[in-house]
Protein backbone atom coordinates (compact mmCIF):
# COMPACT_ATOMS: atom_id res chain seq x y z
CA LEU A 1 -59.50 -4.35 9.03
CA ASP A 2 -63.02 -3.05 9.50
CA SER A 3 -64.43 -6.54 9.94
CA ALA A 4 -61.75 -7.51 12.42
CA THR A 5 -62.33 -4.46 14.60
CA LEU A 6 -66.10 -5.00 14.50
CA VAL A 7 -65.66 -8.62 15.59
CA VAL A 8 -63.34 -7.60 18.44
CA ARG A 9 -65.82 -5.00 19.65
CA GLU A 10 -68.79 -7.36 19.52
CA VAL A 11 -66.94 -10.20 21.25
CA ALA A 12 -65.75 -7.76 23.91
CA LEU A 13 -69.33 -6.71 24.57
CA ALA A 14 -70.90 -10.18 24.36
CA ALA A 15 -68.22 -12.41 25.90
CA PRO A 16 -65.59 -10.39 27.78
CA SER A 17 -64.14 -13.45 29.51
CA LEU A 18 -63.56 -15.13 26.17
CA LEU A 19 -61.85 -12.06 24.76
CA TYR A 20 -59.67 -11.33 27.81
CA VAL A 21 -57.25 -14.16 27.04
CA HIS A 22 -56.60 -12.53 23.64
CA VAL A 23 -55.96 -8.97 24.86
CA ALA A 24 -52.21 -9.15 24.19
CA ALA A 25 -52.81 -10.28 20.60
CA ILE A 26 -55.37 -7.53 20.07
CA PHE A 27 -53.01 -4.88 21.41
CA GLY A 28 -50.35 -6.24 19.08
CA SER A 29 -52.45 -5.99 15.95
CA ILE A 30 -55.08 -3.26 16.25
CA TRP A 31 -52.86 -0.25 15.54
CA PRO A 32 -52.77 -0.37 11.71
CA ALA A 33 -56.54 0.15 11.72
CA PHE A 34 -55.99 3.53 13.42
CA ARG A 35 -53.93 4.64 10.38
CA ASP A 36 -56.33 3.32 7.72
CA ALA A 37 -57.38 5.69 4.95
CA ARG A 38 -61.08 5.07 5.71
CA ALA A 39 -62.53 7.01 8.63
CA ALA A 40 -65.06 4.23 9.31
CA VAL A 41 -62.23 1.76 9.93
CA ARG A 42 -60.50 4.17 12.32
CA GLN A 43 -63.77 4.74 14.20
CA SER A 44 -64.41 1.01 14.42
CA ALA A 45 -60.89 0.48 15.77
CA ALA A 46 -61.51 3.12 18.43
CA GLU A 47 -64.75 1.45 19.48
CA ALA A 48 -62.97 -1.90 19.70
CA LEU A 49 -60.10 -0.40 21.72
CA ASP A 50 -62.58 1.25 24.08
CA ALA A 51 -64.38 -2.07 24.66
CA VAL A 52 -61.09 -3.91 25.24
CA LEU A 53 -59.85 -1.22 27.64
CA GLN A 54 -63.05 -1.53 29.65
CA ILE A 55 -62.41 -5.26 30.02
CA VAL A 56 -58.78 -4.63 30.99
CA ALA A 57 -59.83 -2.05 33.59
CA GLU A 58 -62.24 -4.48 35.23
CA ARG A 59 -59.65 -7.23 35.80
CA PRO A 60 -56.52 -7.01 37.91
CA SER A 61 -53.42 -7.87 35.92
CA ALA A 62 -49.71 -7.21 36.08
CA ALA A 63 -49.75 -6.51 32.34
CA ARG A 64 -52.48 -3.85 32.52
CA GLY A 65 -50.04 -0.98 32.92
CA GLY A 66 -48.09 -2.18 29.92
CA TRP A 67 -51.19 -2.28 27.77
CA TYR A 68 -52.11 1.27 28.74
CA ALA A 69 -48.53 2.41 28.13
CA ALA A 70 -48.53 0.76 24.70
CA ALA A 71 -51.82 2.43 23.80
CA ARG A 72 -50.53 5.83 24.96
CA GLY A 73 -47.35 5.33 22.97
CA GLU A 74 -49.22 4.38 19.81
CA ALA A 75 -51.57 7.35 20.19
CA LEU A 76 -48.65 9.75 20.66
CA THR A 77 -46.78 8.29 17.70
CA ALA A 78 -49.85 8.75 15.51
CA LEU A 79 -50.36 12.30 16.72
CA ARG A 80 -46.76 13.16 15.83
CA SER A 81 -47.02 11.74 12.33
CA GLY A 82 -47.71 13.99 9.39
CA SER A 83 -50.74 12.30 7.89
CA ALA A 84 -54.24 13.47 8.67
CA GLU A 85 -55.47 9.88 8.87
CA ALA A 86 -52.90 8.91 11.50
CA VAL A 87 -53.54 12.06 13.54
CA HIS A 88 -57.28 11.33 13.48
CA GLY A 89 -56.56 7.76 14.54
CA GLY A 90 -54.32 9.01 17.34
CA LEU A 91 -57.07 11.29 18.61
CA LEU A 92 -59.55 8.42 18.50
CA ALA A 93 -57.12 6.19 20.42
CA ALA A 94 -56.59 8.95 23.00
CA ALA A 95 -60.37 9.29 23.40
CA ALA A 96 -60.67 5.53 23.90
CA LEU A 97 -57.97 5.71 26.56
CA LEU A 98 -59.83 8.49 28.36
CA SER A 99 -63.17 6.70 28.28
CA GLY A 100 -61.95 3.12 28.59
CA GLY A 101 -61.68 2.93 32.36
CA THR A 102 -58.08 4.05 32.75
CA PRO A 103 -56.92 3.14 36.27
């Protein structure tokens, strides 16, 4: 998971147009990294989500609201869970939402 989130973040920074067509797939698969037992993986996932949200915020799209809603829902679900790892991941996701250019 750590490698995947690092690749997403780097591609988002280096080639945002290339990554934009894969935003739906990223939003569909990034959430387990926010519940990983390793804090480094959760941090990497948050950095990747932040980079993806910045790309989403820069481009008009009918799906943008759905992506933000999905991210909010995942963050809230994690915050309501009982595990410390998931709560930490939820806080990181919420921070990415706040800094990721929310419209």
